Amino acid sequence: MSSILLVEDDNVIRKMISMRLQLSGFEVDTAVNGLEGIEKASACLYDAILMDMHMPVMDGHEATRVLREQGYQGLIIAVTASVMSDETSKAINVGCDHFISKPIEVTFEQQVAEFITRYQDG
């Protein structure tokens, strides 16, 4: 069973994504902003971090940048409503490995599983 840290400020979206992932067999931990996400990622090893890019306190861009500067090597997947190419590039440039756009689609859980498998296979 893969473990995921979901960093998402919107309570409804966080609960919905968590529930969908859990129903698909993932173990899910959550954080409500980037700062809390950094704290949890520093304390526990996850198979993937799903990082919302636009949050209060600390956004996903900054949180990802800080994690990478601290030497975090794990899989980070940007999850955001912005599908503009510059937003995708910005997420990748700060250290995200992949990008999934919101609203999430029916293949979301499959996408996450495939990203984790690819990352683990090297």
C-alpha atoms as a PDB file:
ATOM      1  CA  MET A   1       0.000   0.000   0.000  1.00  0.00           C
ATOM      2  CA  SER A   2       1.479   3.350  -1.044  1.00  0.00           C
ATOM      3  CA  SER A   3       1.478   6.258   1.375  1.00  0.00           C
ATOM      4  CA  ILE A   4       0.616   9.738   0.188  1.00  0.00           C
ATOM      5  CA  LEU A   5       0.842  13.164   1.782  1.00  0.00           C
ATOM      6  CA  LEU A   6      -1.901  15.391   0.364  1.00  0.00           C
ATOM      7  CA  VAL A   7      -1.140  19.089   0.863  1.00  0.00           C
ATOM      8  CA  GLU A   8      -4.376  20.964   0.092  1.00  0.00           C
ATOM      9  CA  ASP A   9      -5.923  24.004   1.784  1.00  0.00           C
ATOM     10  CA  ASP A  10      -9.514  23.549   0.585  1.00  0.00           C
ATOM     11  CA  ASN A  11     -11.315  21.348   3.126  1.00  0.00           C
ATOM     12  CA  VAL A  12     -13.855  19.933   0.648  1.00  0.00           C
ATOM     13  CA  ILE A  13     -11.250  19.107  -1.987  1.00  0.00           C
ATOM     14  CA  ARG A  14      -8.907  17.642   0.645  1.00  0.00           C
ATOM     15  CA  LYS A  15     -11.624  15.341   1.988  1.00  0.00           C
ATOM     16  CA  MET A  16     -12.797  14.304  -1.484  1.00  0.00           C
ATOM     17  CA  ILE A  17      -9.299  13.494  -2.776  1.00  0.00           C
ATOM     18  CA  SER A  18      -8.405  11.700   0.469  1.00  0.00           C
ATOM     19  CA  MET A  19     -11.530   9.574   0.286  1.00  0.00           C
ATOM     20  CA  ARG A  20     -10.965   8.681  -3.379  1.00  0.00           C
ATOM     21  CA  LEU A  21      -7.361   7.713  -2.731  1.00  0.00           C
ATOM     22  CA  GLN A  22      -8.247   5.675   0.363  1.00  0.00           C
ATOM     23  CA  LEU A  23     -10.965   3.813  -1.548  1.00  0.00           C
ATOM     24  CA  SER A  24      -8.280   2.942  -4.102  1.00  0.00           C
ATOM     25  CA  GLY A  25      -6.063   1.464  -1.399  1.00  0.00           C
ATOM     26  CA  PHE A  26      -3.718   4.343  -0.666  1.00  0.00           C
ATOM     27  CA  GLU A  27      -2.756   5.366   2.851  1.00  0.00           C
ATOM     28  CA  VAL A  28      -3.325   9.131   3.046  1.00  0.00           C
ATOM     29  CA  ASP A  29      -2.007  11.783   5.417  1.00  0.00           C
ATOM     30  CA  THR A  30      -2.986  15.429   4.944  1.00  0.00           C
ATOM     31  CA  ALA A  31      -1.642  18.924   5.494  1.00  0.00           C
ATOM     32  CA  VAL A  32      -3.551  22.190   5.084  1.00  0.00           C
ATOM     33  CA  ASN A  33      -0.699  24.377   3.790  1.00  0.00           C
ATOM     34  CA  GLY A  34       2.856  24.179   2.537  1.00  0.00           C
ATOM     35  CA  LEU A  35       4.438  24.835   5.915  1.00  0.00           C
ATOM     36  CA  GLU A  36       2.571  21.939   7.508  1.00  0.00           C
ATOM     37  CA  GLY A  37       3.415  19.842   4.448  1.00  0.00           C
ATOM     38  CA  ILE A  38       7.142  20.495   4.941  1.00  0.00           C
ATOM     39  CA  GLU A  39       6.887  19.509   8.607  1.00  0.00           C
ATOM     40  CA  LYS A  40       5.114  16.233   7.797  1.00  0.00           C
ATOM     41  CA  ALA A  41       7.372  15.389   4.843  1.00  0.00           C
ATOM     42  CA  SER A  42      10.423  15.981   7.030  1.00  0.00           C
ATOM     43  CA  ALA A  43       9.106  13.629   9.724  1.00  0.00           C
ATOM     44  CA  CYS A  44       7.769  10.745   7.620  1.00  0.00           C
ATOM     45  CA  LEU A  45       8.688   9.008   4.372  1.00  0.00           C
ATOM     46  CA  TYR A  46       5.849   9.047   1.831  1.00  0.00           C
ATOM     47  CA  ASP A  47       5.685   7.337  -1.543  1.00  0.00           C
ATOM     48  CA  ALA A  48       4.366  10.607  -2.988  1.00  0.00           C
ATOM     49  CA  ILE A  49       3.393  14.136  -2.023  1.00  0.00           C
ATOM     50  CA  LEU A  50       0.416  15.645  -3.847  1.00  0.00           C
ATOM     51  CA  MET A  51       1.041  19.380  -3.593  1.00  0.00           C
ATOM     52  CA  ASP A  52      -1.566  22.040  -4.276  1.00  0.00           C
ATOM     53  CA  MET A  53       0.268  25.016  -5.741  1.00  0.00           C
ATOM     54  CA  HIS A  54      -1.983  27.823  -4.479  1.00  0.00           C
ATOM     55  CA  MET A  55      -2.474  27.926  -0.699  1.00  0.00           C
ATOM     56  CA  PRO A  56      -2.305  30.473   2.104  1.00  0.00           C
ATOM     57  CA  VAL A  57       0.515  30.530   4.697  1.00  0.00           C
ATOM     58  CA  MET A  58       2.966  28.901   2.247  1.00  0.00           C
ATOM     59  CA  ASP A  59       2.067  27.939  -1.311  1.00  0.00           C
ATOM     60  CA  GLY A  60       3.103  24.732  -3.023  1.00  0.00           C
ATOM     61  CA  HIS A  61       5.814  26.385  -5.090  1.00  0.00           C
ATOM     62  CA  GLU A  62       7.633  27.626  -2.004  1.00  0.00           C
ATOM     63  CA  ALA A  63       7.043  24.406  -0.045  1.00  0.00           C
ATOM     64  CA  THR A  64       8.430  22.292  -2.892  1.00  0.00           C
ATOM     65  CA  ARG A  65      11.437  24.598  -3.279  1.00  0.00           C
ATOM     66  CA  VAL A  66      12.176  24.387   0.464  1.00  0.00           C
ATOM     67  CA  LEU A  67      11.811  20.587   0.513  1.00  0.00           C
ATOM     68  CA  ARG A  68      14.214  20.207  -2.410  1.00  0.00           C
ATOM     69  CA  GLU A  69      16.702  22.632  -0.805  1.00  0.00           C
ATOM     70  CA  GLN A  70      16.550  20.512   2.354  1.00  0.00           C
ATOM     71  CA  GLY A  71      17.490  17.491   0.257  1.00  0.00           C
ATOM     72  CA  TYR A  72      14.058  15.872  -0.034  1.00  0.00           C
ATOM     73  CA  GLN A  73      14.386  13.268  -2.798  1.00  0.00           C
ATOM     74  CA  GLY A  74      10.830  11.878  -2.845  1.00  0.00           C
ATOM     75  CA  LEU A  75       8.172  12.129  -5.523  1.00  0.00           C
ATOM     76  CA  ILE A  76       6.270  15.447  -5.545  1.00  0.00           C
ATOM     77  CA  ILE A  77       3.262  15.837  -7.831  1.00  0.00           C
ATOM     78  CA  ALA A  78       1.791  19.304  -8.386  1.00  0.00           C
ATOM     79  CA  VAL A  79      -2.009  19.399  -8.290  1.00  0.00           C
ATOM     80  CA  THR A  80      -3.529  22.706  -9.369  1.00  0.00           C
ATOM     81  CA  ALA A  81      -6.474  24.278 -11.152  1.00  0.00           C
ATOM     82  CA  SER A  82      -4.159  26.350 -13.321  1.00  0.00           C
ATOM     83  CA  VAL A  83      -3.401  24.554 -16.573  1.00  0.00           C
ATOM     84  CA  MET A  84      -1.421  27.408 -18.107  1.00  0.00           C
ATOM     85  CA  SER A  85       1.899  26.222 -19.523  1.00  0.00           C
ATOM     86  CA  ASP A  86       3.831  28.767 -17.456  1.00  0.00           C
ATOM     87  CA  GLU A  87       2.226  27.347 -14.303  1.00  0.00           C
ATOM     88  CA  THR A  88       3.250  23.836 -15.295  1.00  0.00           C
ATOM     89  CA  SER A  89       6.797  25.025 -15.993  1.00  0.00           C
ATOM     90  CA  LYS A  90       6.970  26.894 -12.691  1.00  0.00           C
ATOM     91  CA  ALA A  91       5.882  23.790 -10.752  1.00  0.00           C
ATOM     92  CA  ILE A  92       8.459  21.624 -12.507  1.00  0.00           C
ATOM     93  CA  ASN A  93      11.184  24.268 -12.115  1.00  0.00           C
ATOM     94  CA  VAL A  94      10.755  24.431  -8.318  1.00  0.00           C
ATOM     95  CA  GLY A  95      11.120  20.656  -8.073  1.00  0.00           C
ATOM     96  CA  CYS A  96       7.818  18.920  -8.790  1.00  0.00           C
ATOM     97  CA  ASP A  97       8.233  15.679 -10.701  1.00  0.00           C
ATOM     98  CA  HIS A  98       4.802  15.631 -12.367  1.00  0.00           C
ATOM     99  CA  PHE A  99       1.666  17.747 -12.761  1.00  0.00           C
ATOM    100  CA  ILE A 100      -2.038  16.848 -12.457  1.00  0.00           C
ATOM    101  CA  SER A 101      -4.675  19.476 -13.218  1.00  0.00           C
ATOM    102  CA  LYS A 102      -7.886  20.137 -11.298  1.00  0.00           C
ATOM    103  CA  PRO A 103     -10.647  19.343 -11.500  1.00  0.00           C
ATOM    104  CA  ILE A 104      -9.324  15.848 -11.093  1.00  0.00           C
ATOM    105  CA  GLU A 105     -10.655  13.286 -13.532  1.00  0.00           C
ATOM    106  CA  VAL A 106     -11.836   9.699 -13.165  1.00  0.00           C
ATOM    107  CA  THR A 107      -8.310   8.499 -13.972  1.00  0.00           C
ATOM    108  CA  PHE A 108      -6.755  10.481 -11.089  1.00  0.00           C
ATOM    109  CA  GLU A 109      -6.006   7.496  -8.849  1.00  0.00           C
ATOM    110  CA  GLN A 110      -4.566   5.577 -11.778  1.00  0.00           C
ATOM    111  CA  GLN A 111      -2.338   8.544 -12.692  1.00  0.00           C
ATOM    112  CA  VAL A 112      -1.032   8.757  -9.119  1.00  0.00           C
ATOM    113  CA  ALA A 113      -0.365   4.999  -9.005  1.00  0.00           C
ATOM    114  CA  GLU A 114       1.485   5.143 -12.340  1.00  0.00           C
ATOM    115  CA  PHE A 115       3.650   8.085 -11.200  1.00  0.00           C
ATOM    116  CA  ILE A 116       4.551   6.200  -8.002  1.00  0.00           C
ATOM    117  CA  THR A 117       5.364   2.994  -9.906  1.00  0.00           C
ATOM    118  CA  ARG A 118       7.553   4.884 -12.418  1.00  0.00           C
ATOM    119  CA  TYR A 119       9.354   6.706  -9.608  1.00  0.00           C
ATOM    120  CA  GLN A 120       9.984   3.498  -7.646  1.00  0.00           C
ATOM    121  CA  ASP A 121      11.200   1.658 -10.749  1.00  0.00           C
ATOM    122  CA  GLY A 122      13.780   4.399 -11.256  1.00  0.00           C
END
